[in-house]
Amino acid sequence: MNYRPVEGWGRLPEGWSFVEATSVAVDAQDNVHVFNRGPHPVIVFDRDGKFLRSWGEGVTQSPPREIRSLQKFARV
């Protein structure tokens, strides 16, 4: 498989940024879930990079637990 970066993909809300994005998963609807160590632990985009939502604020623990949670609904 060949992967390439797509310039400008993943438009975040004003003032947000990725902090050490460590994992990415794609769900059955082709939404992209990005796990990062910032104040918004999981940021969800549609396949075109449009921000949909975030979750995990104030409730996440260590990275392995969040990754297991993503794997429940993501196709890897």
PDB file of N, CA and C in Angstrom:
ATOM      1  N   MET A   1       0.843  -1.186   0.000  1.00  0.00           N
ATOM      2  CA  MET A   1       0.000   0.000   0.000  1.00  0.00           C
ATOM      3  C   MET A   1       0.885   1.246   0.000  1.00  0.00           C
ATOM      4  N   ASN A   2       0.437   2.225  -0.720  1.00  0.00           N
ATOM      5  CA  ASN A   2       1.131   3.511  -0.730  1.00  0.00           C
ATOM      6  C   ASN A   2       0.253   4.548  -0.051  1.00  0.00           C
ATOM      7  N   TYR A   3       0.840   5.294   0.836  1.00  0.00           N
ATOM      8  CA  TYR A   3       0.121   6.363   1.524  1.00  0.00           C
ATOM      9  C   TYR A   3       0.801   7.672   1.184  1.00  0.00           C
ATOM     10  N   ARG A   4       0.020   8.725   1.106  1.00  0.00           N
ATOM     11  CA  ARG A   4       0.589  10.040   0.858  1.00  0.00           C
ATOM     12  C   ARG A   4      -0.178  11.075   1.673  1.00  0.00           C
ATOM     13  N   PRO A   5       0.517  12.084   2.148  1.00  0.00           N
ATOM     14  CA  PRO A   5      -0.185  13.144   2.881  1.00  0.00           C
ATOM     15  C   PRO A   5      -1.045  13.970   1.926  1.00  0.00           C
ATOM     16  N   VAL A   6      -2.174  14.444   2.438  1.00  0.00           N
ATOM     17  CA  VAL A   6      -3.051  15.301   1.657  1.00  0.00           C
ATOM     18  C   VAL A   6      -3.029  16.674   2.319  1.00  0.00           C
ATOM     19  N   GLU A   7      -2.395  17.606   1.658  1.00  0.00           N
ATOM     20  CA  GLU A   7      -2.244  18.969   2.180  1.00  0.00           C
ATOM     21  C   GLU A   7      -3.606  19.575   2.495  1.00  0.00           C
ATOM     22  N   GLY A   8      -3.770  20.087   3.702  1.00  0.00           N
ATOM     23  CA  GLY A   8      -4.995  20.763   4.091  1.00  0.00           C
ATOM     24  C   GLY A   8      -6.130  19.855   4.544  1.00  0.00           C
ATOM     25  N   TRP A   9      -5.918  18.519   4.524  1.00  0.00           N
ATOM     26  CA  TRP A   9      -6.971  17.606   4.969  1.00  0.00           C
ATOM     27  C   TRP A   9      -7.094  17.700   6.486  1.00  0.00           C
ATOM     28  N   GLY A  10      -8.285  17.583   7.012  1.00  0.00           N
ATOM     29  CA  GLY A  10      -8.499  17.612   8.462  1.00  0.00           C
ATOM     30  C   GLY A  10      -8.600  19.026   8.992  1.00  0.00           C
ATOM     31  N   ARG A  11      -9.661  19.703   8.624  1.00  0.00           N
ATOM     32  CA  ARG A  11      -9.859  21.084   9.056  1.00  0.00           C
ATOM     33  C   ARG A  11     -10.390  21.123  10.484  1.00  0.00           C
ATOM     34  N   LEU A  12      -9.576  21.640  11.380  1.00  0.00           N
ATOM     35  CA  LEU A  12      -9.938  21.726  12.802  1.00  0.00           C
ATOM     36  C   LEU A  12     -10.678  23.021  13.095  1.00  0.00           C
ATOM     37  N   PRO A  13     -11.498  23.022  14.158  1.00  0.00           N
ATOM     38  CA  PRO A  13     -12.132  24.272  14.583  1.00  0.00           C
ATOM     39  C   PRO A  13     -11.073  25.318  14.957  1.00  0.00           C
ATOM     40  N   GLU A  14     -11.449  26.556  14.873  1.00  0.00           N
ATOM     41  CA  GLU A  14     -10.557  27.668  15.208  1.00  0.00           C
ATOM     42  C   GLU A  14      -9.929  27.473  16.592  1.00  0.00           C
ATOM     43  N   GLY A  15      -8.620  27.611  16.686  1.00  0.00           N
ATOM     44  CA  GLY A  15      -7.906  27.504  17.954  1.00  0.00           C
ATOM     45  C   GLY A  15      -7.512  26.088  18.358  1.00  0.00           C
ATOM     46  N   TRP A  16      -7.942  25.073  17.615  1.00  0.00           N
ATOM     47  CA  TRP A  16      -7.599  23.690  17.926  1.00  0.00           C
ATOM     48  C   TRP A  16      -6.333  23.300  17.177  1.00  0.00           C
ATOM     49  N   SER A  17      -5.645  22.303  17.717  1.00  0.00           N
ATOM     50  CA  SER A  17      -4.494  21.736  17.016  1.00  0.00           C
ATOM     51  C   SER A  17      -4.310  20.296  17.470  1.00  0.00           C
ATOM     52  N   PHE A  18      -3.609  19.532  16.654  1.00  0.00           N
ATOM     53  CA  PHE A  18      -3.253  18.177  17.050  1.00  0.00           C
ATOM     54  C   PHE A  18      -2.050  18.258  17.978  1.00  0.00           C
ATOM     55  N   VAL A  19      -2.046  17.423  19.018  1.00  0.00           N
ATOM     56  CA  VAL A  19      -0.906  17.324  19.925  1.00  0.00           C
ATOM     57  C   VAL A  19      -0.489  15.864  19.939  1.00  0.00           C
ATOM     58  N   GLU A  20       0.619  15.558  19.320  1.00  0.00           N
ATOM     59  CA  GLU A  20       1.113  14.186  19.265  1.00  0.00           C
ATOM     60  C   GLU A  20       0.017  13.222  18.816  1.00  0.00           C
ATOM     61  N   ALA A  21      -0.473  13.385  17.604  1.00  0.00           N
ATOM     62  CA  ALA A  21      -1.458  12.446  17.058  1.00  0.00           C
ATOM     63  C   ALA A  21      -0.778  11.087  16.921  1.00  0.00           C
ATOM     64  N   THR A  22      -1.293  10.091  17.624  1.00  0.00           N
ATOM     65  CA  THR A  22      -0.613   8.800  17.699  1.00  0.00           C
ATOM     66  C   THR A  22      -1.328   7.666  16.997  1.00  0.00           C
ATOM     67  N   SER A  23      -2.621   7.809  16.721  1.00  0.00           N
ATOM     68  CA  SER A  23      -3.382   6.711  16.124  1.00  0.00           C
ATOM     69  C   SER A  23      -4.492   7.263  15.247  1.00  0.00           C
ATOM     70  N   VAL A  24      -4.826   6.485  14.217  1.00  0.00           N
ATOM     71  CA  VAL A  24      -5.913   6.839  13.318  1.00  0.00           C
ATOM     72  C   VAL A  24      -6.717   5.573  13.047  1.00  0.00           C
ATOM     73  N   ALA A  25      -8.042   5.709  13.040  1.00  0.00           N
ATOM     74  CA  ALA A  25      -8.916   4.583  12.707  1.00  0.00           C
ATOM     75  C   ALA A  25     -10.021   5.100  11.791  1.00  0.00           C
ATOM     76  N   VAL A  26     -10.529   4.208  10.939  1.00  0.00           N
ATOM     77  CA  VAL A  26     -11.631   4.548  10.046  1.00  0.00           C
ATOM     78  C   VAL A  26     -12.802   3.634  10.380  1.00  0.00           C
ATOM     79  N   ASP A  27     -13.994   4.224  10.592  1.00  0.00           N
ATOM     80  CA  ASP A  27     -15.151   3.407  10.933  1.00  0.00           C
ATOM     81  C   ASP A  27     -15.911   2.963   9.676  1.00  0.00           C
ATOM     82  N   ALA A  28     -16.998   2.248   9.862  1.00  0.00           N
ATOM     83  CA  ALA A  28     -17.758   1.684   8.750  1.00  0.00           C
ATOM     84  C   ALA A  28     -18.393   2.757   7.859  1.00  0.00           C
ATOM     85  N   GLN A  29     -18.542   3.970   8.350  1.00  0.00           N
ATOM     86  CA  GLN A  29     -19.091   5.064   7.558  1.00  0.00           C
ATOM     87  C   GLN A  29     -17.989   5.909   6.914  1.00  0.00           C
ATOM     88  N   ASP A  30     -16.752   5.424   6.971  1.00  0.00           N
ATOM     89  CA  ASP A  30     -15.575   6.126   6.437  1.00  0.00           C
ATOM     90  C   ASP A  30     -15.234   7.399   7.197  1.00  0.00           C
ATOM     91  N   ASN A  31     -15.732   7.539   8.428  1.00  0.00           N
ATOM     92  CA  ASN A  31     -15.300   8.640   9.277  1.00  0.00           C
ATOM     93  C   ASN A  31     -13.919   8.312   9.820  1.00  0.00           C
ATOM     94  N   VAL A  32     -13.082   9.333   9.939  1.00  0.00           N
ATOM     95  CA  VAL A  32     -11.704   9.153  10.389  1.00  0.00           C
ATOM     96  C   VAL A  32     -11.589   9.658  11.819  1.00  0.00           C
ATOM     97  N   HIS A  33     -11.145   8.781  12.726  1.00  0.00           N
ATOM     98  CA  HIS A  33     -10.995   9.099  14.142  1.00  0.00           C
ATOM     99  C   HIS A  33      -9.507   9.235  14.434  1.00  0.00           C
ATOM    100  N   VAL A  34      -9.105  10.420  14.891  1.00  0.00           N
ATOM    101  CA  VAL A  34      -7.701  10.682  15.182  1.00  0.00           C
ATOM    102  C   VAL A  34      -7.530  10.794  16.686  1.00  0.00           C
ATOM    103  N   PHE A  35      -6.694   9.908  17.264  1.00  0.00           N
ATOM    104  CA  PHE A  35      -6.388   9.991  18.688  1.00  0.00           C
ATOM    105  C   PHE A  35      -5.145  10.854  18.846  1.00  0.00           C
ATOM    106  N   ASN A  36      -5.233  11.840  19.745  1.00  0.00           N
ATOM    107  CA  ASN A  36      -4.067  12.666  20.029  1.00  0.00           C
ATOM    108  C   ASN A  36      -4.036  13.002  21.507  1.00  0.00           C
ATOM    109  N   ARG A  37      -2.919  13.505  21.956  1.00  0.00           N
ATOM    110  CA  ARG A  37      -2.740  13.757  23.389  1.00  0.00           C
ATOM    111  C   ARG A  37      -3.069  15.190  23.786  1.00  0.00           C
ATOM    112  N   GLY A  38      -3.852  15.871  22.979  1.00  0.00           N
ATOM    113  CA  GLY A  38      -4.258  17.241  23.278  1.00  0.00           C
ATOM    114  C   GLY A  38      -5.525  17.282  24.112  1.00  0.00           C
ATOM    115  N   PRO A  39      -6.106  18.462  24.270  1.00  0.00           N
ATOM    116  CA  PRO A  39      -7.308  18.614  25.094  1.00  0.00           C
ATOM    117  C   PRO A  39      -8.553  17.958  24.503  1.00  0.00           C
ATOM    118  N   HIS A  40      -8.503  17.586  23.235  1.00  0.00           N
ATOM    119  CA  HIS A  40      -9.614  16.897  22.555  1.00  0.00           C
ATOM    120  C   HIS A  40      -9.055  15.552  22.074  1.00  0.00           C
ATOM    121  N   PRO A  41      -9.083  14.527  22.935  1.00  0.00           N
ATOM    122  CA  PRO A  41      -8.368  13.269  22.666  1.00  0.00           C
ATOM    123  C   PRO A  41      -8.739  12.542  21.384  1.00  0.00           C
ATOM    124  N   VAL A  42     -10.016  12.511  21.015  1.00  0.00           N
ATOM    125  CA  VAL A  42     -10.402  11.859  19.767  1.00  0.00           C
ATOM    126  C   VAL A  42     -11.168  12.891  18.931  1.00  0.00           C
ATOM    127  N   ILE A  43     -10.639  13.161  17.751  1.00  0.00           N
ATOM    128  CA  ILE A  43     -11.248  14.124  16.840  1.00  0.00           C
ATOM    129  C   ILE A  43     -11.734  13.341  15.625  1.00  0.00           C
ATOM    130  N   VAL A  44     -13.000  13.556  15.258  1.00  0.00           N
ATOM    131  CA  VAL A  44     -13.625  12.776  14.192  1.00  0.00           C
ATOM    132  C   VAL A  44     -13.883  13.677  12.981  1.00  0.00           C
ATOM    133  N   PHE A  45     -13.494  13.169  11.806  1.00  0.00           N
ATOM    134  CA  PHE A  45     -13.682  13.865  10.537  1.00  0.00           C
ATOM    135  C   PHE A  45     -14.460  12.963   9.582  1.00  0.00           C
ATOM    136  N   ASP A  46     -15.128  13.573   8.610  1.00  0.00           N
ATOM    137  CA  ASP A  46     -15.675  12.749   7.536  1.00  0.00           C
ATOM    138  C   ASP A  46     -14.538  12.422   6.571  1.00  0.00           C
ATOM    139  N   ARG A  47     -14.824  11.648   5.551  1.00  0.00           N
ATOM    140  CA  ARG A  47     -13.767  11.191   4.642  1.00  0.00           C
ATOM    141  C   ARG A  47     -13.087  12.332   3.892  1.00  0.00           C
ATOM    142  N   ASP A  48     -13.769  13.485   3.798  1.00  0.00           N
ATOM    143  CA  ASP A  48     -13.190  14.626   3.101  1.00  0.00           C
ATOM    144  C   ASP A  48     -12.413  15.559   4.024  1.00  0.00           C
ATOM    145  N   GLY A  49     -12.355  15.227   5.317  1.00  0.00           N
ATOM    146  CA  GLY A  49     -11.593  16.033   6.256  1.00  0.00           C
ATOM    147  C   GLY A  49     -12.398  17.088   6.984  1.00  0.00           C
ATOM    148  N   LYS A  50     -13.726  17.067   6.839  1.00  0.00           N
ATOM    149  CA  LYS A  50     -14.587  18.023   7.552  1.00  0.00           C
ATOM    150  C   LYS A  50     -14.749  17.564   9.001  1.00  0.00           C
ATOM    151  N   PHE A  51     -14.492  18.466   9.943  1.00  0.00           N
ATOM    152  CA  PHE A  51     -14.649  18.170  11.361  1.00  0.00           C
ATOM    153  C   PHE A  51     -16.098  17.808  11.651  1.00  0.00           C
ATOM    154  N   LEU A  52     -16.311  16.684  12.364  1.00  0.00           N
ATOM    155  CA  LEU A  52     -17.654  16.269  12.765  1.00  0.00           C
ATOM    156  C   LEU A  52     -17.885  16.452  14.251  1.00  0.00           C
ATOM    157  N   ARG A  53     -16.939  15.987  15.061  1.00  0.00           N
ATOM    158  CA  ARG A  53     -17.099  16.051  16.524  1.00  0.00           C
ATOM    159  C   ARG A  53     -15.789  15.633  17.182  1.00  0.00           C
ATOM    160  N   SER A  54     -15.773  15.773  18.494  1.00  0.00           N
ATOM    161  CA  SER A  54     -14.670  15.233  19.286  1.00  0.00           C
ATOM    162  C   SER A  54     -15.283  14.552  20.504  1.00  0.00           C
ATOM    163  N   TRP A  55     -14.500  13.710  21.124  1.00  0.00           N
ATOM    164  CA  TRP A  55     -14.960  13.076  22.359  1.00  0.00           C
ATOM    165  C   TRP A  55     -13.750  12.692  23.200  1.00  0.00           C
ATOM    166  N   GLY A  56     -14.016  12.421  24.470  1.00  0.00           N
ATOM    167  CA  GLY A  56     -12.965  12.009  25.392  1.00  0.00           C
ATOM    168  C   GLY A  56     -12.435  13.123  26.277  1.00  0.00           C
ATOM    169  N   GLU A  57     -12.956  14.333  26.116  1.00  0.00           N
ATOM    170  CA  GLU A  57     -12.490  15.441  26.934  1.00  0.00           C
ATOM    171  C   GLU A  57     -12.770  15.166  28.412  1.00  0.00           C
ATOM    172  N   GLY A  58     -11.715  15.142  29.222  1.00  0.00           N
ATOM    173  CA  GLY A  58     -11.864  14.949  30.659  1.00  0.00           C
ATOM    174  C   GLY A  58     -12.137  13.535  31.109  1.00  0.00           C
ATOM    175  N   VAL A  59     -12.222  12.576  30.188  1.00  0.00           N
ATOM    176  CA  VAL A  59     -12.543  11.213  30.604  1.00  0.00           C
ATOM    177  C   VAL A  59     -11.529  10.171  30.161  1.00  0.00           C
ATOM    178  N   THR A  60     -10.590  10.544  29.301  1.00  0.00           N
ATOM    179  CA  THR A  60      -9.634   9.554  28.820  1.00  0.00           C
ATOM    180  C   THR A  60      -8.565   9.272  29.873  1.00  0.00           C
ATOM    181  N   GLN A  61      -7.985   8.084  29.746  1.00  0.00           N
ATOM    182  CA  GLN A  61      -6.931   7.678  30.671  1.00  0.00           C
ATOM    183  C   GLN A  61      -5.639   7.488  29.893  1.00  0.00           C
ATOM    184  N   SER A  62      -5.122   6.292  29.838  1.00  0.00           N
ATOM    185  CA  SER A  62      -3.870   6.056  29.127  1.00  0.00           C
ATOM    186  C   SER A  62      -4.146   5.694  27.669  1.00  0.00           C
ATOM    187  N   PRO A  63      -3.246   5.988  26.759  1.00  0.00           N
ATOM    188  CA  PRO A  63      -3.474   5.728  25.338  1.00  0.00           C
ATOM    189  C   PRO A  63      -3.924   4.311  24.988  1.00  0.00           C
ATOM    190  N   PRO A  64      -3.375   3.231  25.558  1.00  0.00           N
ATOM    191  CA  PRO A  64      -3.834   1.903  25.123  1.00  0.00           C
ATOM    192  C   PRO A  64      -5.331   1.680  25.286  1.00  0.00           C
ATOM    193  N   ARG A  65      -5.951   2.218  26.327  1.00  0.00           N
ATOM    194  CA  ARG A  65      -7.387   2.027  26.531  1.00  0.00           C
ATOM    195  C   ARG A  65      -8.191   2.700  25.422  1.00  0.00           C
ATOM    196  N   GLU A  66      -7.824   3.918  25.026  1.00  0.00           N
ATOM    197  CA  GLU A  66      -8.542   4.607  23.970  1.00  0.00           C
ATOM    198  C   GLU A  66      -8.385   3.876  22.640  1.00  0.00           C
ATOM    199  N   ILE A  67      -7.210   3.369  22.380  1.00  0.00           N
ATOM    200  CA  ILE A  67      -6.987   2.653  21.131  1.00  0.00           C
ATOM    201  C   ILE A  67      -7.870   1.412  21.084  1.00  0.00           C
ATOM    202  N   ARG A  68      -7.992   0.683  22.196  1.00  0.00           N
ATOM    203  CA  ARG A  68      -8.880  -0.490  22.227  1.00  0.00           C
ATOM    204  C   ARG A  68     -10.321  -0.071  21.984  1.00  0.00           C
ATOM    205  N   SER A  69     -10.737   1.087  22.531  1.00  0.00           N
ATOM    206  CA  SER A  69     -12.097   1.565  22.323  1.00  0.00           C
ATOM    207  C   SER A  69     -12.340   1.849  20.846  1.00  0.00           C
ATOM    208  N   LEU A  70     -11.371   2.450  20.175  1.00  0.00           N
ATOM    209  CA  LEU A  70     -11.509   2.742  18.746  1.00  0.00           C
ATOM    210  C   LEU A  70     -11.616   1.454  17.941  1.00  0.00           C
ATOM    211  N   GLN A  71     -10.883   0.429  18.324  1.00  0.00           N
ATOM    212  CA  GLN A  71     -10.873  -0.799  17.563  1.00  0.00           C
ATOM    213  C   GLN A  71     -12.222  -1.509  17.601  1.00  0.00           C
ATOM    214  N   LYS A  72     -13.073  -1.211  18.592  1.00  0.00           N
ATOM    215  CA  LYS A  72     -14.387  -1.844  18.659  1.00  0.00           C
ATOM    216  C   LYS A  72     -15.263  -1.498  17.461  1.00  0.00           C
ATOM    217  N   PHE A  73     -15.127  -0.275  16.947  1.00  0.00           N
ATOM    218  CA  PHE A  73     -15.994   0.110  15.845  1.00  0.00           C
ATOM    219  C   PHE A  73     -15.240   0.464  14.571  1.00  0.00           C
ATOM    220  N   ALA A  74     -13.945   0.386  14.592  1.00  0.00           N
ATOM    221  CA  ALA A  74     -13.157   0.764  13.415  1.00  0.00           C
ATOM    222  C   ALA A  74     -12.781  -0.468  12.601  1.00  0.00           C
ATOM    223  N   ARG A  75     -12.712  -0.281  11.317  1.00  0.00           N
ATOM    224  CA  ARG A  75     -12.142  -1.352  10.505  1.00  0.00           C
ATOM    225  C   ARG A  75     -10.692  -0.987  10.259  1.00  0.00           C
ATOM    226  N   VAL A  76      -9.838  -1.905  10.562  1.00  0.00           N
ATOM    227  CA  VAL A  76      -8.400  -1.624  10.467  1.00  0.00           C
ATOM    228  C   VAL A  76      -7.838  -2.323   9.258  1.00  0.00           C
TER     229      VAL A  76
END
